Amino acid sequence: MADRNQHAYFRYWSKARKEGEPGAPYHLLPYHCLDVAAVGQDCWNGMRNEGAQGSRAKQASTTPPAKP
């Protein structure tokens, strides 16, 4: 396995934290890209399923509850 320092893309970072904020001081670019891709995939899958499931969810959320 190659040492991660051999890959040039590990020299770049994204989303640096402000001084004094908790957590890591920066987010390495390759990991940021993977995070963005995962969120994009979730959004895409949600939009694709919206036609079948979203309309039912919307109807359920806007329909007043039945009176007993």
PDB file of N, CA and C in Angstrom:
ATOM      1  N   MET A   1       0.852  -1.177   0.000  1.00  0.00           N
ATOM      2  CA  MET A   1       0.000   0.000   0.000  1.00  0.00           C
ATOM      3  C   MET A   1       0.892   1.232   0.000  1.00  0.00           C
ATOM      4  N   ALA A   2       0.526   2.196  -0.791  1.00  0.00           N
ATOM      5  CA  ALA A   2       1.324   3.413  -0.903  1.00  0.00           C
ATOM      6  C   ALA A   2       1.135   4.298   0.321  1.00  0.00           C
ATOM      7  N   ASP A   3       2.198   4.952   0.698  1.00  0.00           N
ATOM      8  CA  ASP A   3       2.134   5.917   1.795  1.00  0.00           C
ATOM      9  C   ASP A   3       1.296   7.107   1.339  1.00  0.00           C
ATOM     10  N   ARG A   4       0.376   7.563   2.199  1.00  0.00           N
ATOM     11  CA  ARG A   4      -0.519   8.640   1.781  1.00  0.00           C
ATOM     12  C   ARG A   4       0.223   9.920   1.445  1.00  0.00           C
ATOM     13  N   ASN A   5       1.423  10.106   1.966  1.00  0.00           N
ATOM     14  CA  ASN A   5       2.198  11.306   1.665  1.00  0.00           C
ATOM     15  C   ASN A   5       2.733  11.307   0.238  1.00  0.00           C
ATOM     16  N   GLN A   6       2.670  10.171  -0.438  1.00  0.00           N
ATOM     17  CA  GLN A   6       3.132  10.098  -1.822  1.00  0.00           C
ATOM     18  C   GLN A   6       2.115  10.704  -2.785  1.00  0.00           C
ATOM     19  N   HIS A   7       0.877  10.833  -2.375  1.00  0.00           N
ATOM     20  CA  HIS A   7      -0.173  11.357  -3.251  1.00  0.00           C
ATOM     21  C   HIS A   7      -0.285  12.861  -3.064  1.00  0.00           C
ATOM     22  N   ALA A   8      -0.173  13.580  -4.165  1.00  0.00           N
ATOM     23  CA  ALA A   8      -0.184  15.044  -4.116  1.00  0.00           C
ATOM     24  C   ALA A   8      -1.502  15.595  -3.593  1.00  0.00           C
ATOM     25  N   TYR A   9      -2.612  14.886  -3.831  1.00  0.00           N
ATOM     26  CA  TYR A   9      -3.903  15.443  -3.426  1.00  0.00           C
ATOM     27  C   TYR A   9      -4.075  15.499  -1.911  1.00  0.00           C
ATOM     28  N   PHE A  10      -3.237  14.826  -1.149  1.00  0.00           N
ATOM     29  CA  PHE A  10      -3.309  14.931   0.312  1.00  0.00           C
ATOM     30  C   PHE A  10      -2.693  16.235   0.825  1.00  0.00           C
ATOM     31  N   ARG A  11      -2.102  17.017  -0.072  1.00  0.00           N
ATOM     32  CA  ARG A  11      -1.538  18.307   0.345  1.00  0.00           C
ATOM     33  C   ARG A  11      -2.594  19.402   0.374  1.00  0.00           C
ATOM     34  N   TYR A  12      -3.779  19.129  -0.145  1.00  0.00           N
ATOM     35  CA  TYR A  12      -4.827  20.134  -0.219  1.00  0.00           C
ATOM     36  C   TYR A  12      -5.868  19.890   0.866  1.00  0.00           C
ATOM     37  N   TRP A  13      -6.467  20.951   1.327  1.00  0.00           N
ATOM     38  CA  TRP A  13      -7.455  20.849   2.386  1.00  0.00           C
ATOM     39  C   TRP A  13      -8.674  21.680   2.038  1.00  0.00           C
ATOM     40  N   SER A  14      -9.727  21.437   2.757  1.00  0.00           N
ATOM     41  CA  SER A  14     -10.974  22.162   2.565  1.00  0.00           C
ATOM     42  C   SER A  14     -11.615  22.373   3.925  1.00  0.00           C
ATOM     43  N   LYS A  15     -12.399  23.428   4.046  1.00  0.00           N
ATOM     44  CA  LYS A  15     -13.157  23.713   5.263  1.00  0.00           C
ATOM     45  C   LYS A  15     -12.283  23.815   6.505  1.00  0.00           C
ATOM     46  N   ALA A  16     -11.419  24.782   6.556  1.00  0.00           N
ATOM     47  CA  ALA A  16     -10.612  25.007   7.755  1.00  0.00           C
ATOM     48  C   ALA A  16     -11.507  25.560   8.860  1.00  0.00           C
ATOM     49  N   ARG A  17     -11.236  25.153  10.083  1.00  0.00           N
ATOM     50  CA  ARG A  17     -11.994  25.652  11.236  1.00  0.00           C
ATOM     51  C   ARG A  17     -11.391  26.970  11.709  1.00  0.00           C
ATOM     52  N   LYS A  18     -12.234  27.774  12.308  1.00  0.00           N
ATOM     53  CA  LYS A  18     -11.751  29.013  12.896  1.00  0.00           C
ATOM     54  C   LYS A  18     -10.971  28.677  14.153  1.00  0.00           C
ATOM     55  N   GLU A  19     -10.029  29.519  14.487  1.00  0.00           N
ATOM     56  CA  GLU A  19      -9.210  29.294  15.666  1.00  0.00           C
ATOM     57  C   GLU A  19     -10.101  29.256  16.904  1.00  0.00           C
ATOM     58  N   GLY A  20      -9.874  28.260  17.742  1.00  0.00           N
ATOM     59  CA  GLY A  20     -10.636  28.117  18.967  1.00  0.00           C
ATOM     60  C   GLY A  20     -11.852  27.213  18.844  1.00  0.00           C
ATOM     61  N   GLU A  21     -12.259  26.838  17.620  1.00  0.00           N
ATOM     62  CA  GLU A  21     -13.389  25.931  17.445  1.00  0.00           C
ATOM     63  C   GLU A  21     -12.923  24.505  17.692  1.00  0.00           C
ATOM     64  N   PRO A  22     -13.799  23.658  18.265  1.00  0.00           N
ATOM     65  CA  PRO A  22     -13.407  22.277  18.520  1.00  0.00           C
ATOM     66  C   PRO A  22     -13.293  21.472  17.226  1.00  0.00           C
ATOM     67  N   GLY A  23     -12.549  20.400  17.278  1.00  0.00           N
ATOM     68  CA  GLY A  23     -12.408  19.513  16.130  1.00  0.00           C
ATOM     69  C   GLY A  23     -11.088  19.711  15.403  1.00  0.00           C
ATOM     70  N   ALA A  24     -10.953  18.973  14.323  1.00  0.00           N
ATOM     71  CA  ALA A  24      -9.732  19.043  13.519  1.00  0.00           C
ATOM     72  C   ALA A  24      -9.592  20.436  12.908  1.00  0.00           C
ATOM     73  N   PRO A  25      -8.348  20.908  12.745  1.00  0.00           N
ATOM     74  CA  PRO A  25      -8.150  22.253  12.200  1.00  0.00           C
ATOM     75  C   PRO A  25      -8.518  22.376  10.719  1.00  0.00           C
ATOM     76  N   TYR A  26      -8.579  21.258   9.997  1.00  0.00           N
ATOM     77  CA  TYR A  26      -8.923  21.290   8.576  1.00  0.00           C
ATOM     78  C   TYR A  26      -9.431  19.919   8.157  1.00  0.00           C
ATOM     79  N   HIS A  27     -10.020  19.864   6.978  1.00  0.00           N
ATOM     80  CA  HIS A  27     -10.589  18.651   6.410  1.00  0.00           C
ATOM     81  C   HIS A  27      -9.844  18.396   5.102  1.00  0.00           C
ATOM     82  N   LEU A  28      -9.148  17.281   4.986  1.00  0.00           N
ATOM     83  CA  LEU A  28      -8.390  17.005   3.771  1.00  0.00           C
ATOM     84  C   LEU A  28      -9.322  16.893   2.559  1.00  0.00           C
ATOM     85  N   LEU A  29      -8.888  17.468   1.453  1.00  0.00           N
ATOM     86  CA  LEU A  29      -9.714  17.566   0.253  1.00  0.00           C
ATOM     87  C   LEU A  29     -10.266  16.220  -0.237  1.00  0.00           C
ATOM     88  N   PRO A  30      -9.471  15.139  -0.288  1.00  0.00           N
ATOM     89  CA  PRO A  30     -10.048  13.876  -0.770  1.00  0.00           C
ATOM     90  C   PRO A  30     -11.238  13.418   0.079  1.00  0.00           C
ATOM     91  N   TYR A  31     -11.157  13.614   1.380  1.00  0.00           N
ATOM     92  CA  TYR A  31     -12.246  13.200   2.260  1.00  0.00           C
ATOM     93  C   TYR A  31     -13.444  14.144   2.115  1.00  0.00           C
ATOM     94  N   HIS A  32     -13.182  15.415   1.897  1.00  0.00           N
ATOM     95  CA  HIS A  32     -14.258  16.368   1.655  1.00  0.00           C
ATOM     96  C   HIS A  32     -15.013  15.980   0.384  1.00  0.00           C
ATOM     97  N   CYS A  33     -14.286  15.612  -0.647  1.00  0.00           N
ATOM     98  CA  CYS A  33     -14.923  15.215  -1.907  1.00  0.00           C
ATOM     99  C   CYS A  33     -15.794  13.973  -1.712  1.00  0.00           C
ATOM    100  N   LEU A  34     -15.318  13.022  -0.918  1.00  0.00           N
ATOM    101  CA  LEU A  34     -16.118  11.827  -0.641  1.00  0.00           C
ATOM    102  C   LEU A  34     -17.383  12.189   0.138  1.00  0.00           C
ATOM    103  N   ASP A  35     -17.262  13.094   1.092  1.00  0.00           N
ATOM    104  CA  ASP A  35     -18.435  13.546   1.855  1.00  0.00           C
ATOM    105  C   ASP A  35     -19.459  14.201   0.941  1.00  0.00           C
ATOM    106  N   VAL A  36     -18.992  15.087   0.058  1.00  0.00           N
ATOM    107  CA  VAL A  36     -19.890  15.782  -0.869  1.00  0.00           C
ATOM    108  C   VAL A  36     -20.568  14.778  -1.798  1.00  0.00           C
ATOM    109  N   ALA A  37     -19.820  13.798  -2.279  1.00  0.00           N
ATOM    110  CA  ALA A  37     -20.390  12.784  -3.173  1.00  0.00           C
ATOM    111  C   ALA A  37     -21.463  11.962  -2.452  1.00  0.00           C
ATOM    112  N   ALA A  38     -21.225  11.618  -1.191  1.00  0.00           N
ATOM    113  CA  ALA A  38     -22.205  10.838  -0.428  1.00  0.00           C
ATOM    114  C   ALA A  38     -23.497  11.632  -0.214  1.00  0.00           C
ATOM    115  N   VAL A  39     -23.372  12.906   0.118  1.00  0.00           N
ATOM    116  CA  VAL A  39     -24.561  13.746   0.309  1.00  0.00           C
ATOM    117  C   VAL A  39     -25.294  13.912  -1.022  1.00  0.00           C
ATOM    118  N   GLY A  40     -24.549  14.115  -2.095  1.00  0.00           N
ATOM    119  CA  GLY A  40     -25.163  14.239  -3.414  1.00  0.00           C
ATOM    120  C   GLY A  40     -25.919  12.986  -3.807  1.00  0.00           C
ATOM    121  N   GLN A  41     -25.350  11.827  -3.507  1.00  0.00           N
ATOM    122  CA  GLN A  41     -26.018  10.568  -3.829  1.00  0.00           C
ATOM    123  C   GLN A  41     -27.317  10.437  -3.035  1.00  0.00           C
ATOM    124  N   ASP A  42     -27.294  10.800  -1.753  1.00  0.00           N
ATOM    125  CA  ASP A  42     -28.515  10.755  -0.950  1.00  0.00           C
ATOM    126  C   ASP A  42     -29.579  11.692  -1.520  1.00  0.00           C
ATOM    127  N   CYS A  43     -29.171  12.887  -1.907  1.00  0.00           N
ATOM    128  CA  CYS A  43     -30.121  13.839  -2.502  1.00  0.00           C
ATOM    129  C   CYS A  43     -30.689  13.296  -3.802  1.00  0.00           C
ATOM    130  N   TRP A  44     -29.824  12.753  -4.641  1.00  0.00           N
ATOM    131  CA  TRP A  44     -30.257  12.212  -5.924  1.00  0.00           C
ATOM    132  C   TRP A  44     -31.240  11.060  -5.715  1.00  0.00           C
ATOM    133  N   ASN A  45     -30.918  10.157  -4.801  1.00  0.00           N
ATOM    134  CA  ASN A  45     -31.807   9.032  -4.534  1.00  0.00           C
ATOM    135  C   ASN A  45     -33.140   9.526  -3.969  1.00  0.00           C
ATOM    136  N   GLY A  46     -33.103  10.547  -3.146  1.00  0.00           N
ATOM    137  CA  GLY A  46     -34.333  11.110  -2.602  1.00  0.00           C
ATOM    138  C   GLY A  46     -35.206  11.701  -3.685  1.00  0.00           C
ATOM    139  N   MET A  47     -34.583  12.400  -4.654  1.00  0.00           N
ATOM    140  CA  MET A  47     -35.359  12.991  -5.747  1.00  0.00           C
ATOM    141  C   MET A  47     -35.938  11.908  -6.652  1.00  0.00           C
ATOM    142  N   ARG A  48     -35.195  10.848  -6.880  1.00  0.00           N
ATOM    143  CA  ARG A  48     -35.682   9.764  -7.737  1.00  0.00           C
ATOM    144  C   ARG A  48     -36.860   9.055  -7.083  1.00  0.00           C
ATOM    145  N   ASN A  49     -36.821   8.916  -5.768  1.00  0.00           N
ATOM    146  CA  ASN A  49     -37.889   8.214  -5.059  1.00  0.00           C
ATOM    147  C   ASN A  49     -39.059   9.135  -4.723  1.00  0.00           C
ATOM    148  N   GLU A  50     -38.892  10.420  -4.917  1.00  0.00           N
ATOM    149  CA  GLU A  50     -39.926  11.368  -4.533  1.00  0.00           C
ATOM    150  C   GLU A  50     -41.224  11.136  -5.293  1.00  0.00           C
ATOM    151  N   GLY A  51     -41.140  10.742  -6.540  1.00  0.00           N
ATOM    152  CA  GLY A  51     -42.349  10.510  -7.318  1.00  0.00           C
ATOM    153  C   GLY A  51     -43.223   9.430  -6.716  1.00  0.00           C
ATOM    154  N   ALA A  52     -42.622   8.351  -6.259  1.00  0.00           N
ATOM    155  CA  ALA A  52     -43.392   7.246  -5.704  1.00  0.00           C
ATOM    156  C   ALA A  52     -43.731   7.464  -4.234  1.00  0.00           C
ATOM    157  N   GLN A  53     -42.744   7.846  -3.450  1.00  0.00           N
ATOM    158  CA  GLN A  53     -42.944   7.946  -2.011  1.00  0.00           C
ATOM    159  C   GLN A  53     -43.238   9.368  -1.561  1.00  0.00           C
ATOM    160  N   GLY A  54     -42.668  10.341  -2.245  1.00  0.00           N
ATOM    161  CA  GLY A  54     -42.825  11.723  -1.820  1.00  0.00           C
ATOM    162  C   GLY A  54     -44.258  12.207  -1.886  1.00  0.00           C
ATOM    163  N   SER A  55     -44.979  11.789  -2.923  1.00  0.00           N
ATOM    164  CA  SER A  55     -46.357  12.242  -3.036  1.00  0.00           C
ATOM    165  C   SER A  55     -47.203  11.685  -1.899  1.00  0.00           C
ATOM    166  N   ARG A  56     -46.939  10.441  -1.493  1.00  0.00           N
ATOM    167  CA  ARG A  56     -47.672   9.859  -0.370  1.00  0.00           C
ATOM    168  C   ARG A  56     -47.304  10.545   0.932  1.00  0.00           C
ATOM    169  N   ALA A  57     -46.031  10.857   1.090  1.00  0.00           N
ATOM    170  CA  ALA A  57     -45.581  11.542   2.305  1.00  0.00           C
ATOM    171  C   ALA A  57     -46.172  12.944   2.364  1.00  0.00           C
ATOM    172  N   LYS A  58     -46.206  13.624   1.231  1.00  0.00           N
ATOM    173  CA  LYS A  58     -46.775  14.971   1.189  1.00  0.00           C
ATOM    174  C   LYS A  58     -48.267  14.919   1.518  1.00  0.00           C
ATOM    175  N   GLN A  59     -48.972  13.954   0.960  1.00  0.00           N
ATOM    176  CA  GLN A  59     -50.400  13.821   1.221  1.00  0.00           C
ATOM    177  C   GLN A  59     -50.641  13.530   2.702  1.00  0.00           C
ATOM    178  N   ALA A  60     -49.837  12.661   3.278  1.00  0.00           N
ATOM    179  CA  ALA A  60     -49.999  12.313   4.689  1.00  0.00           C
ATOM    180  C   ALA A  60     -49.731  13.515   5.584  1.00  0.00           C
ATOM    181  N   SER A  61     -48.781  14.362   5.190  1.00  0.00           N
ATOM    182  CA  SER A  61     -48.436  15.497   6.033  1.00  0.00           C
ATOM    183  C   SER A  61     -49.441  16.638   5.900  1.00  0.00           C
ATOM    184  N   THR A  62     -50.215  16.688   4.793  1.00  0.00           N
ATOM    185  CA  THR A  62     -51.157  17.776   4.600  1.00  0.00           C
ATOM    186  C   THR A  62     -52.596  17.362   4.880  1.00  0.00           C
ATOM    187  N   THR A  63     -52.832  16.090   5.037  1.00  0.00           N
ATOM    188  CA  THR A  63     -54.176  15.612   5.320  1.00  0.00           C
ATOM    189  C   THR A  63     -54.443  15.698   6.814  1.00  0.00           C
ATOM    190  N   PRO A  64     -55.522  16.368   7.225  1.00  0.00           N
ATOM    191  CA  PRO A  64     -55.794  16.453   8.659  1.00  0.00           C
ATOM    192  C   PRO A  64     -56.140  15.072   9.215  1.00  0.00           C
ATOM    193  N   PRO A  65     -55.813  14.851  10.469  1.00  0.00           N
ATOM    194  CA  PRO A  65     -56.110  13.533  11.053  1.00  0.00           C
ATOM    195  C   PRO A  65     -57.624  13.287  11.094  1.00  0.00           C
ATOM    196  N   ALA A  66     -57.995  12.041  10.933  1.00  0.00           N
ATOM    197  CA  ALA A  66     -59.409  11.667  10.960  1.00  0.00           C
ATOM    198  C   ALA A  66     -59.949  11.816  12.378  1.00  0.00           C
ATOM    199  N   LYS A  67     -61.176  12.271  12.471  1.00  0.00           N
ATOM    200  CA  LYS A  67     -61.808  12.418  13.782  1.00  0.00           C
ATOM    201  C   LYS A  67     -62.337  11.052  14.231  1.00  0.00           C
ATOM    202  N   PRO A  68     -62.142  10.749  15.501  1.00  0.00           N
ATOM    203  CA  PRO A  68     -62.602   9.432  15.996  1.00  0.00           C
ATOM    204  C   PRO A  68     -64.105   9.320  16.065  1.00  0.00           C
TER     205      PRO A  68
END
